[in-house]
Amino acid sequence: MTAGGTTQPLQDAARADADAATGNRPVAAQRGLPGDAPGTEGIPFARATGPREERRPRETEIVLVRHGETDWNRAHRIQGHADIELNELGRWQAEATARALADEQFDAIYSSDLKRAHATALAIAAGRATPVTVMPAFRERYFGSMEGEFIAEIPQRHPELYARWNSTDLLMLQPDDGETRRQFYDRIAGALATVAAAHAGGKVLVALHGGVLDCAYRLGAATGLDTPRKWRAMNASINRLLHGPEGFRIGSWGEIDHLTETLDE
């Protein structure tokens, strides 16, 4: 939370959409991207292309890929459970991620059941013998009546909902018909634990969402839900969790070198 303790949830959502809209455009200028993503200096494994931790014996590797861009990402609208499809750039990003992961073998490929994540998973699975298993538990956080709203307009259009969303109470519904931050985190932590147990010692991929990535980072870094988010959750980024006897840890975060090529390459 901020010094005043009231604006962190909204900032987290805005940051996720900023990551989506500006963080990984496939243009030649992106080739000069520095090692540390803006705002992540000094944050372990929060690099544009993070250093990769060595996988230990008996550890399970879970490769997490955020879906490609949607028009709502670009417009900074809250998606949540709204079933928004990838836009043209998002489809390109999914295909670029598939090329980046072509040499990696997966025991299973999972996906949220929302179209933007499922399409990303299908692009990665194309040409493989491994089918995509849909797992609704990996859906984005449910924001209820906030879904579809433009983030920048919420304080003026819905001041009461804005106040609830920015509450420091992790158990408060934000809004009344949505998931609490604690409910959302517990859902994602449980889904990741289920996948890790089902593929102990193996390697799997999950196509998911920005808020889900935030939960995964907090799980792997043992970071509390009230800690301000300084790590990024970029569209079509590759992120790695490792799971062993001691629990989850982060293998790497925010791999996006595959998104720095131009569209005509």
C-alpha atoms as a PDB file:
ATOM      1  CA  MET A   1       0.000   0.000   0.000  1.00  0.00           C
ATOM      2  CA  THR A   2       1.073   3.604  -0.397  1.00  0.00           C
ATOM      3  CA  ALA A   3       2.207   5.886   2.398  1.00  0.00           C
ATOM      4  CA  GLY A   4      -1.426   6.794   2.928  1.00  0.00           C
ATOM      5  CA  GLY A   5      -2.416   3.124   2.867  1.00  0.00           C
ATOM      6  CA  THR A   6      -5.392   3.566   0.496  1.00  0.00           C
ATOM      7  CA  THR A   7      -4.531   3.244  -3.198  1.00  0.00           C
ATOM      8  CA  GLN A   8      -2.630   0.008  -3.758  1.00  0.00           C
ATOM      9  CA  PRO A   9      -5.346  -2.273  -5.253  1.00  0.00           C
ATOM     10  CA  LEU A  10      -6.268   0.273  -7.947  1.00  0.00           C
ATOM     11  CA  GLN A  11      -2.602   0.960  -8.680  1.00  0.00           C
ATOM     12  CA  ASP A  12      -1.979  -2.760  -9.095  1.00  0.00           C
ATOM     13  CA  ALA A  13      -4.780  -3.085 -11.634  1.00  0.00           C
ATOM     14  CA  ALA A  14      -3.653   0.025 -13.489  1.00  0.00           C
ATOM     15  CA  ARG A  15      -0.077  -1.229 -13.511  1.00  0.00           C
ATOM     16  CA  ALA A  16      -1.169  -4.543 -15.011  1.00  0.00           C
ATOM     17  CA  ASP A  17      -2.919  -2.751 -17.853  1.00  0.00           C
ATOM     18  CA  ALA A  18       0.030  -0.400 -18.311  1.00  0.00           C
ATOM     19  CA  ASP A  19       2.259  -3.451 -18.633  1.00  0.00           C
ATOM     20  CA  ALA A  20      -0.134  -4.751 -21.262  1.00  0.00           C
ATOM     21  CA  ALA A  21      -0.493  -1.566 -23.240  1.00  0.00           C
ATOM     22  CA  THR A  22       3.062  -0.227 -23.250  1.00  0.00           C
ATOM     23  CA  GLY A  23       5.432  -2.819 -21.848  1.00  0.00           C
ATOM     24  CA  ASN A  24       6.143  -5.084 -24.787  1.00  0.00           C
ATOM     25  CA  ARG A  25       5.377  -3.667 -28.206  1.00  0.00           C
ATOM     26  CA  PRO A  26       7.076  -5.581 -31.038  1.00  0.00           C
ATOM     27  CA  VAL A  27       8.993  -2.663 -32.525  1.00  0.00           C
ATOM     28  CA  ALA A  28      12.651  -2.317 -33.405  1.00  0.00           C
ATOM     29  CA  ALA A  29      13.110   0.375 -30.776  1.00  0.00           C
ATOM     30  CA  GLN A  30      12.312  -2.197 -28.115  1.00  0.00           C
ATOM     31  CA  ARG A  31      15.646  -3.899 -28.845  1.00  0.00           C
ATOM     32  CA  GLY A  32      17.317  -1.376 -26.563  1.00  0.00           C
ATOM     33  CA  LEU A  33      15.213  -2.357 -23.560  1.00  0.00           C
ATOM     34  CA  PRO A  34      17.379  -2.223 -20.432  1.00  0.00           C
ATOM     35  CA  GLY A  35      17.801  -5.233 -18.198  1.00  0.00           C
ATOM     36  CA  ASP A  36      15.600  -3.904 -15.419  1.00  0.00           C
ATOM     37  CA  ALA A  37      12.066  -2.959 -16.326  1.00  0.00           C
ATOM     38  CA  PRO A  38      11.145   0.582 -15.183  1.00  0.00           C
ATOM     39  CA  GLY A  39      10.150   0.648 -11.539  1.00  0.00           C
ATOM     40  CA  THR A  40      11.642  -2.749 -10.758  1.00  0.00           C
ATOM     41  CA  GLU A  41      15.200  -1.791  -9.925  1.00  0.00           C
ATOM     42  CA  GLY A  42      16.428  -3.922  -7.031  1.00  0.00           C
ATOM     43  CA  ILE A  43      13.434  -6.283  -7.150  1.00  0.00           C
ATOM     44  CA  PRO A  44      14.701  -9.888  -7.439  1.00  0.00           C
ATOM     45  CA  PHE A  45      13.798 -11.625 -10.707  1.00  0.00           C
ATOM     46  CA  ALA A  46      11.799  -8.627 -11.939  1.00  0.00           C
ATOM     47  CA  ARG A  47      13.984  -8.017 -14.957  1.00  0.00           C
ATOM     48  CA  ALA A  48      12.790  -7.584 -18.532  1.00  0.00           C
ATOM     49  CA  THR A  49      14.538 -10.868 -19.182  1.00  0.00           C
ATOM     50  CA  GLY A  50      15.208 -12.261 -15.738  1.00  0.00           C
ATOM     51  CA  PRO A  51      18.147 -14.352 -14.630  1.00  0.00           C
ATOM     52  CA  ARG A  52      17.029 -17.966 -14.503  1.00  0.00           C
ATOM     53  CA  GLU A  53      17.451 -19.979 -11.314  1.00  0.00           C
ATOM     54  CA  GLU A  54      18.751 -23.512 -11.758  1.00  0.00           C
ATOM     55  CA  ARG A  55      16.082 -26.169 -11.326  1.00  0.00           C
ATOM     56  CA  ARG A  56      16.900 -28.527  -8.477  1.00  0.00           C
ATOM     57  CA  PRO A  57      16.385 -32.295  -8.496  1.00  0.00           C
ATOM     58  CA  ARG A  58      12.748 -33.310  -7.915  1.00  0.00           C
ATOM     59  CA  GLU A  59      11.480 -29.774  -8.490  1.00  0.00           C
ATOM     60  CA  THR A  60       8.498 -29.137 -10.729  1.00  0.00           C
ATOM     61  CA  GLU A  61       8.816 -26.255 -13.188  1.00  0.00           C
ATOM     62  CA  ILE A  62       5.627 -24.349 -13.988  1.00  0.00           C
ATOM     63  CA  VAL A  63       6.002 -21.999 -16.943  1.00  0.00           C
ATOM     64  CA  LEU A  64       3.444 -19.199 -16.687  1.00  0.00           C
ATOM     65  CA  VAL A  65       2.506 -17.249 -19.808  1.00  0.00           C
ATOM     66  CA  ARG A  66       0.194 -14.275 -19.654  1.00  0.00           C
ATOM     67  CA  HIS A  67      -2.229 -14.056 -22.555  1.00  0.00           C
ATOM     68  CA  GLY A  68      -1.534 -11.772 -25.504  1.00  0.00           C
ATOM     69  CA  GLU A  69      -2.960  -8.276 -25.723  1.00  0.00           C
ATOM     70  CA  THR A  70      -6.668  -7.530 -26.040  1.00  0.00           C
ATOM     71  CA  ASP A  71      -8.399  -4.313 -27.036  1.00  0.00           C
ATOM     72  CA  TRP A  72      -9.482  -3.907 -23.410  1.00  0.00           C
ATOM     73  CA  ASN A  73      -5.849  -4.136 -22.278  1.00  0.00           C
ATOM     74  CA  ARG A  74      -4.963  -1.338 -24.641  1.00  0.00           C
ATOM     75  CA  ALA A  75      -7.914   0.779 -23.521  1.00  0.00           C
ATOM     76  CA  HIS A  76      -7.214   0.125 -19.804  1.00  0.00           C
ATOM     77  CA  ARG A  77     -10.605  -1.436 -19.180  1.00  0.00           C
ATOM     78  CA  ILE A  78     -11.095  -3.953 -16.371  1.00  0.00           C
ATOM     79  CA  GLN A  79     -11.539  -7.421 -17.888  1.00  0.00           C
ATOM     80  CA  GLY A  80     -11.877  -9.834 -14.991  1.00  0.00           C
ATOM     81  CA  HIS A  81     -14.164 -12.673 -16.106  1.00  0.00           C
ATOM     82  CA  ALA A  82     -15.287 -10.800 -19.244  1.00  0.00           C
ATOM     83  CA  ASP A  83     -14.451 -13.120 -22.139  1.00  0.00           C
ATOM     84  CA  ILE A  84     -12.461 -10.781 -24.393  1.00  0.00           C
ATOM     85  CA  GLU A  85     -10.570 -12.187 -27.380  1.00  0.00           C
ATOM     86  CA  LEU A  86      -7.006 -11.405 -28.417  1.00  0.00           C
ATOM     87  CA  ASN A  87      -6.528  -8.514 -30.823  1.00  0.00           C
ATOM     88  CA  GLU A  88      -4.170  -8.621 -33.809  1.00  0.00           C
ATOM     89  CA  LEU A  89      -1.125  -7.791 -31.731  1.00  0.00           C
ATOM     90  CA  GLY A  90      -2.180 -10.303 -29.084  1.00  0.00           C
ATOM     91  CA  ARG A  91      -2.358 -13.070 -31.666  1.00  0.00           C
ATOM     92  CA  TRP A  92       1.100 -12.139 -32.903  1.00  0.00           C
ATOM     93  CA  GLN A  93       2.410 -12.156 -29.340  1.00  0.00           C
ATOM     94  CA  ALA A  94       0.972 -15.640 -28.747  1.00  0.00           C
ATOM     95  CA  GLU A  95       2.673 -16.940 -31.891  1.00  0.00           C
ATOM     96  CA  ALA A  96       5.964 -15.281 -30.921  1.00  0.00           C
ATOM     97  CA  THR A  97       5.771 -16.937 -27.505  1.00  0.00           C
ATOM     98  CA  ALA A  98       5.110 -20.289 -29.170  1.00  0.00           C
ATOM     99  CA  ARG A  99       8.282 -19.856 -31.234  1.00  0.00           C
ATOM    100  CA  ALA A 100      10.270 -18.920 -28.127  1.00  0.00           C
ATOM    101  CA  LEU A 101       9.131 -22.077 -26.329  1.00  0.00           C
ATOM    102  CA  ALA A 102       9.404 -24.421 -29.329  1.00  0.00           C
ATOM    103  CA  ASP A 103      12.461 -26.238 -27.960  1.00  0.00           C
ATOM    104  CA  GLU A 104      10.976 -26.768 -24.499  1.00  0.00           C
ATOM    105  CA  GLN A 105       9.020 -29.928 -23.718  1.00  0.00           C
ATOM    106  CA  PHE A 106       5.980 -29.907 -21.440  1.00  0.00           C
ATOM    107  CA  ASP A 107       4.290 -32.802 -19.671  1.00  0.00           C
ATOM    108  CA  ALA A 108       1.029 -30.847 -19.749  1.00  0.00           C
ATOM    109  CA  ILE A 109      -0.348 -27.532 -20.981  1.00  0.00           C
ATOM    110  CA  TYR A 110      -3.065 -25.835 -18.950  1.00  0.00           C
ATOM    111  CA  SER A 111      -5.146 -22.750 -19.623  1.00  0.00           C
ATOM    112  CA  SER A 112      -7.777 -20.557 -18.101  1.00  0.00           C
ATOM    113  CA  ASP A 113     -11.098 -21.101 -19.844  1.00  0.00           C
ATOM    114  CA  LEU A 114     -11.299 -17.455 -20.971  1.00  0.00           C
ATOM    115  CA  LYS A 115     -10.727 -16.963 -24.695  1.00  0.00           C
ATOM    116  CA  ARG A 116      -7.685 -14.704 -24.427  1.00  0.00           C
ATOM    117  CA  ALA A 117      -5.740 -17.235 -22.365  1.00  0.00           C
ATOM    118  CA  HIS A 118      -7.046 -20.292 -24.198  1.00  0.00           C
ATOM    119  CA  ALA A 119      -6.065 -18.866 -27.597  1.00  0.00           C
ATOM    120  CA  THR A 120      -2.574 -18.189 -26.242  1.00  0.00           C
ATOM    121  CA  ALA A 121      -2.298 -21.765 -24.988  1.00  0.00           C
ATOM    122  CA  LEU A 122      -3.531 -23.167 -28.305  1.00  0.00           C
ATOM    123  CA  ALA A 123      -0.859 -21.202 -30.171  1.00  0.00           C
ATOM    124  CA  ILE A 124       1.834 -22.670 -27.911  1.00  0.00           C
ATOM    125  CA  ALA A 125       0.389 -26.188 -28.199  1.00  0.00           C
ATOM    126  CA  ALA A 126       0.158 -26.106 -32.007  1.00  0.00           C
ATOM    127  CA  GLY A 127       2.308 -28.849 -33.518  1.00  0.00           C
ATOM    128  CA  ARG A 128       2.746 -30.620 -30.181  1.00  0.00           C
ATOM    129  CA  ALA A 129       1.243 -33.905 -29.062  1.00  0.00           C
ATOM    130  CA  THR A 130       0.302 -32.304 -25.732  1.00  0.00           C
ATOM    131  CA  PRO A 131      -3.333 -31.091 -25.632  1.00  0.00           C
ATOM    132  CA  VAL A 132      -4.526 -28.012 -23.798  1.00  0.00           C
ATOM    133  CA  THR A 133      -6.356 -28.791 -20.545  1.00  0.00           C
ATOM    134  CA  VAL A 134      -8.800 -26.068 -19.557  1.00  0.00           C
ATOM    135  CA  MET A 135      -8.746 -25.182 -15.864  1.00  0.00           C
ATOM    136  CA  PRO A 136     -11.261 -22.454 -14.864  1.00  0.00           C
ATOM    137  CA  ALA A 137      -9.473 -21.994 -11.521  1.00  0.00           C
ATOM    138  CA  PHE A 138      -6.843 -19.982 -13.433  1.00  0.00           C
ATOM    139  CA  ARG A 139      -9.336 -17.299 -14.439  1.00  0.00           C
ATOM    140  CA  GLU A 140      -8.602 -13.642 -13.744  1.00  0.00           C
ATOM    141  CA  ARG A 141     -10.006 -12.135 -10.571  1.00  0.00           C
ATOM    142  CA  TYR A 142     -13.749 -11.558 -10.689  1.00  0.00           C
ATOM    143  CA  PHE A 143     -14.463  -7.834 -10.389  1.00  0.00           C
ATOM    144  CA  GLY A 144     -18.251  -8.063 -10.605  1.00  0.00           C
ATOM    145  CA  SER A 145     -19.918  -4.838 -11.721  1.00  0.00           C
ATOM    146  CA  MET A 146     -16.516  -3.169 -12.132  1.00  0.00           C
ATOM    147  CA  GLU A 147     -15.791  -5.271 -15.216  1.00  0.00           C
ATOM    148  CA  GLY A 148     -15.826  -3.247 -18.407  1.00  0.00           C
ATOM    149  CA  GLU A 149     -15.093   0.008 -16.619  1.00  0.00           C
ATOM    150  CA  PHE A 150     -12.252   2.269 -17.705  1.00  0.00           C
ATOM    151  CA  ILE A 151      -9.789   2.411 -14.804  1.00  0.00           C
ATOM    152  CA  ALA A 152      -9.206   6.163 -15.117  1.00  0.00           C
ATOM    153  CA  GLU A 153     -12.954   6.905 -14.869  1.00  0.00           C
ATOM    154  CA  ILE A 154     -13.742   4.839 -11.777  1.00  0.00           C
ATOM    155  CA  PRO A 155     -12.966   7.516  -9.119  1.00  0.00           C
ATOM    156  CA  GLN A 156     -15.441   9.953 -10.701  1.00  0.00           C
ATOM    157  CA  ARG A 157     -18.115   7.511 -11.934  1.00  0.00           C
ATOM    158  CA  HIS A 158     -18.159   5.135  -8.963  1.00  0.00           C
ATOM    159  CA  PRO A 159     -16.680   6.856  -5.881  1.00  0.00           C
ATOM    160  CA  GLU A 160     -18.145   4.308  -3.447  1.00  0.00           C
ATOM    161  CA  LEU A 161     -16.815   1.353  -5.428  1.00  0.00           C
ATOM    162  CA  TYR A 162     -13.505   3.176  -5.769  1.00  0.00           C
ATOM    163  CA  ALA A 163     -13.265   3.501  -1.987  1.00  0.00           C
ATOM    164  CA  ARG A 164     -14.083  -0.186  -1.502  1.00  0.00           C
ATOM    165  CA  TRP A 165     -11.564  -1.272  -4.147  1.00  0.00           C
ATOM    166  CA  ASN A 166      -8.859   0.727  -2.408  1.00  0.00           C
ATOM    167  CA  SER A 167      -9.686  -0.661   1.014  1.00  0.00           C
ATOM    168  CA  THR A 168      -6.796  -2.147   2.966  1.00  0.00           C
ATOM    169  CA  ASP A 169      -9.134  -4.902   4.201  1.00  0.00           C
ATOM    170  CA  LEU A 170      -8.094  -7.990   2.221  1.00  0.00           C
ATOM    171  CA  LEU A 171     -11.425  -9.663   3.011  1.00  0.00           C
ATOM    172  CA  MET A 172     -13.607  -6.814   1.753  1.00  0.00           C
ATOM    173  CA  LEU A 173     -15.588  -7.523  -1.400  1.00  0.00           C
ATOM    174  CA  GLN A 174     -14.584  -5.045  -4.068  1.00  0.00           C
ATOM    175  CA  PRO A 175     -17.328  -4.497  -5.164  1.00  0.00           C
ATOM    176  CA  ASP A 176     -20.011  -6.490  -3.325  1.00  0.00           C
ATOM    177  CA  ASP A 177     -20.443  -8.960  -6.193  1.00  0.00           C
ATOM    178  CA  GLY A 178     -16.725  -9.569  -6.839  1.00  0.00           C
ATOM    179  CA  GLU A 179     -13.922 -11.602  -5.276  1.00  0.00           C
ATOM    180  CA  THR A 180     -11.945 -10.347  -2.323  1.00  0.00           C
ATOM    181  CA  ARG A 181      -8.195 -10.144  -2.743  1.00  0.00           C
ATOM    182  CA  ARG A 182      -7.817 -13.001  -0.268  1.00  0.00           C
ATOM    183  CA  GLN A 183     -10.345 -15.201  -2.098  1.00  0.00           C
ATOM    184  CA  PHE A 184      -8.604 -14.605  -5.400  1.00  0.00           C
ATOM    185  CA  TYR A 185      -5.138 -15.339  -4.028  1.00  0.00           C
ATOM    186  CA  ASP A 186      -6.294 -18.522  -2.303  1.00  0.00           C
ATOM    187  CA  ARG A 187      -7.938 -19.735  -5.519  1.00  0.00           C
ATOM    188  CA  ILE A 188      -4.751 -19.239  -7.535  1.00  0.00           C
ATOM    189  CA  ALA A 189      -2.434 -20.671  -4.872  1.00  0.00           C
ATOM    190  CA  GLY A 190      -4.639 -23.756  -4.687  1.00  0.00           C
ATOM    191  CA  ALA A 191      -4.670 -24.203  -8.472  1.00  0.00           C
ATOM    192  CA  LEU A 192      -0.880 -23.934  -8.673  1.00  0.00           C
ATOM    193  CA  ALA A 193      -0.473 -26.433  -5.832  1.00  0.00           C
ATOM    194  CA  THR A 194      -2.807 -28.845  -7.631  1.00  0.00           C
ATOM    195  CA  VAL A 195      -0.798 -28.630 -10.862  1.00  0.00           C
ATOM    196  CA  ALA A 196       2.519 -29.001  -9.043  1.00  0.00           C
ATOM    197  CA  ALA A 197       1.300 -32.107  -7.204  1.00  0.00           C
ATOM    198  CA  ALA A 198      -0.070 -33.677 -10.394  1.00  0.00           C
ATOM    199  CA  HIS A 199       3.270 -33.281 -12.201  1.00  0.00           C
ATOM    200  CA  ALA A 200       5.840 -33.685  -9.431  1.00  0.00           C
ATOM    201  CA  GLY A 201       9.335 -33.426 -10.874  1.00  0.00           C
ATOM    202  CA  GLY A 202       7.988 -32.544 -14.301  1.00  0.00           C
ATOM    203  CA  LYS A 203       7.503 -29.426 -16.378  1.00  0.00           C
ATOM    204  CA  VAL A 204       4.177 -27.865 -17.325  1.00  0.00           C
ATOM    205  CA  LEU A 205       2.879 -24.655 -18.886  1.00  0.00           C
ATOM    206  CA  VAL A 206      -0.092 -22.550 -17.831  1.00  0.00           C
ATOM    207  CA  ALA A 207      -1.614 -19.742 -19.938  1.00  0.00           C
ATOM    208  CA  LEU A 208      -3.283 -17.252 -17.633  1.00  0.00           C
ATOM    209  CA  HIS A 209      -3.857 -13.594 -16.712  1.00  0.00           C
ATOM    210  CA  GLY A 210      -2.101 -10.563 -15.247  1.00  0.00           C
ATOM    211  CA  GLY A 211      -3.733 -10.741 -11.831  1.00  0.00           C
ATOM    212  CA  VAL A 212      -3.002 -14.463 -11.685  1.00  0.00           C
ATOM    213  CA  LEU A 213       0.660 -13.728 -12.397  1.00  0.00           C
ATOM    214  CA  ASP A 214       0.665 -11.243  -9.544  1.00  0.00           C
ATOM    215  CA  CYS A 215      -0.610 -13.960  -7.184  1.00  0.00           C
ATOM    216  CA  ALA A 216       1.982 -16.404  -8.520  1.00  0.00           C
ATOM    217  CA  TYR A 217       4.802 -13.942  -7.892  1.00  0.00           C
ATOM    218  CA  ARG A 218       3.629 -13.315  -4.347  1.00  0.00           C
ATOM    219  CA  LEU A 219       3.451 -17.077  -3.774  1.00  0.00           C
ATOM    220  CA  GLY A 220       6.928 -17.725  -5.164  1.00  0.00           C
ATOM    221  CA  ALA A 221       8.544 -14.755  -3.451  1.00  0.00           C
ATOM    222  CA  ALA A 222       6.673 -15.245  -0.151  1.00  0.00           C
ATOM    223  CA  THR A 223       5.408 -11.675  -0.464  1.00  0.00           C
ATOM    224  CA  GLY A 224       2.319 -10.534   1.429  1.00  0.00           C
ATOM    225  CA  LEU A 225      -0.870  -9.417  -0.281  1.00  0.00           C
ATOM    226  CA  ASP A 226      -0.479  -5.936   1.182  1.00  0.00           C
ATOM    227  CA  THR A 227       2.958  -5.455  -0.416  1.00  0.00           C
ATOM    228  CA  PRO A 228       2.892  -2.887  -3.249  1.00  0.00           C
ATOM    229  CA  ARG A 229       3.446  -4.555  -6.619  1.00  0.00           C
ATOM    230  CA  LYS A 230       6.738  -3.504  -8.221  1.00  0.00           C
ATOM    231  CA  TRP A 231       7.116  -6.541 -10.488  1.00  0.00           C
ATOM    232  CA  ARG A 232       5.624  -6.633 -13.957  1.00  0.00           C
ATOM    233  CA  ALA A 233       2.996  -8.878 -15.518  1.00  0.00           C
ATOM    234  CA  MET A 234       3.376  -8.235 -19.221  1.00  0.00           C
ATOM    235  CA  ASN A 235       1.287  -9.674 -22.018  1.00  0.00           C
ATOM    236  CA  ALA A 236       2.815 -12.856 -23.474  1.00  0.00           C
ATOM    237  CA  SER A 237       5.715 -12.749 -21.012  1.00  0.00           C
ATOM    238  CA  ILE A 238       7.278 -16.027 -19.890  1.00  0.00           C
ATOM    239  CA  ASN A 239       7.575 -16.497 -16.131  1.00  0.00           C
ATOM    240  CA  ARG A 240       8.778 -19.565 -14.226  1.00  0.00           C
ATOM    241  CA  LEU A 241       7.819 -20.985 -10.836  1.00  0.00           C
ATOM    242  CA  LEU A 242       9.690 -23.882  -9.267  1.00  0.00           C
ATOM    243  CA  HIS A 243       8.089 -26.186  -6.716  1.00  0.00           C
ATOM    244  CA  GLY A 244       9.887 -28.614  -4.426  1.00  0.00           C
ATOM    245  CA  PRO A 245       9.779 -29.972  -0.885  1.00  0.00           C
ATOM    246  CA  GLU A 246      10.235 -26.465   0.522  1.00  0.00           C
ATOM    247  CA  GLY A 247       7.397 -24.986  -1.511  1.00  0.00           C
ATOM    248  CA  PHE A 248       7.347 -22.510  -4.378  1.00  0.00           C
ATOM    249  CA  ARG A 249      10.142 -20.233  -5.493  1.00  0.00           C
ATOM    250  CA  ILE A 250      10.691 -18.038  -8.541  1.00  0.00           C
ATOM    251  CA  GLY A 251      12.831 -19.416 -11.353  1.00  0.00           C
ATOM    252  CA  SER A 252      12.665 -16.319 -13.568  1.00  0.00           C
ATOM    253  CA  TRP A 253      10.286 -13.481 -14.223  1.00  0.00           C
ATOM    254  CA  GLY A 254       9.274 -11.345 -17.181  1.00  0.00           C
ATOM    255  CA  GLU A 255      11.101 -12.992 -20.074  1.00  0.00           C
ATOM    256  CA  ILE A 256      10.182 -10.888 -23.118  1.00  0.00           C
ATOM    257  CA  ASP A 257      13.128 -11.104 -25.516  1.00  0.00           C
ATOM    258  CA  HIS A 258      10.865 -12.983 -27.911  1.00  0.00           C
ATOM    259  CA  LEU A 259       8.615  -9.918 -28.141  1.00  0.00           C
ATOM    260  CA  THR A 260      11.308  -7.460 -29.240  1.00  0.00           C
ATOM    261  CA  GLU A 261      11.414  -8.529 -32.876  1.00  0.00           C
ATOM    262  CA  THR A 262       9.584  -6.583 -35.581  1.00  0.00           C
ATOM    263  CA  LEU A 263       6.376  -7.875 -37.098  1.00  0.00           C
ATOM    264  CA  ASP A 264       7.963  -8.527 -40.507  1.00  0.00           C
ATOM    265  CA  GLU A 265      10.829 -10.674 -39.211  1.00  0.00           C
END
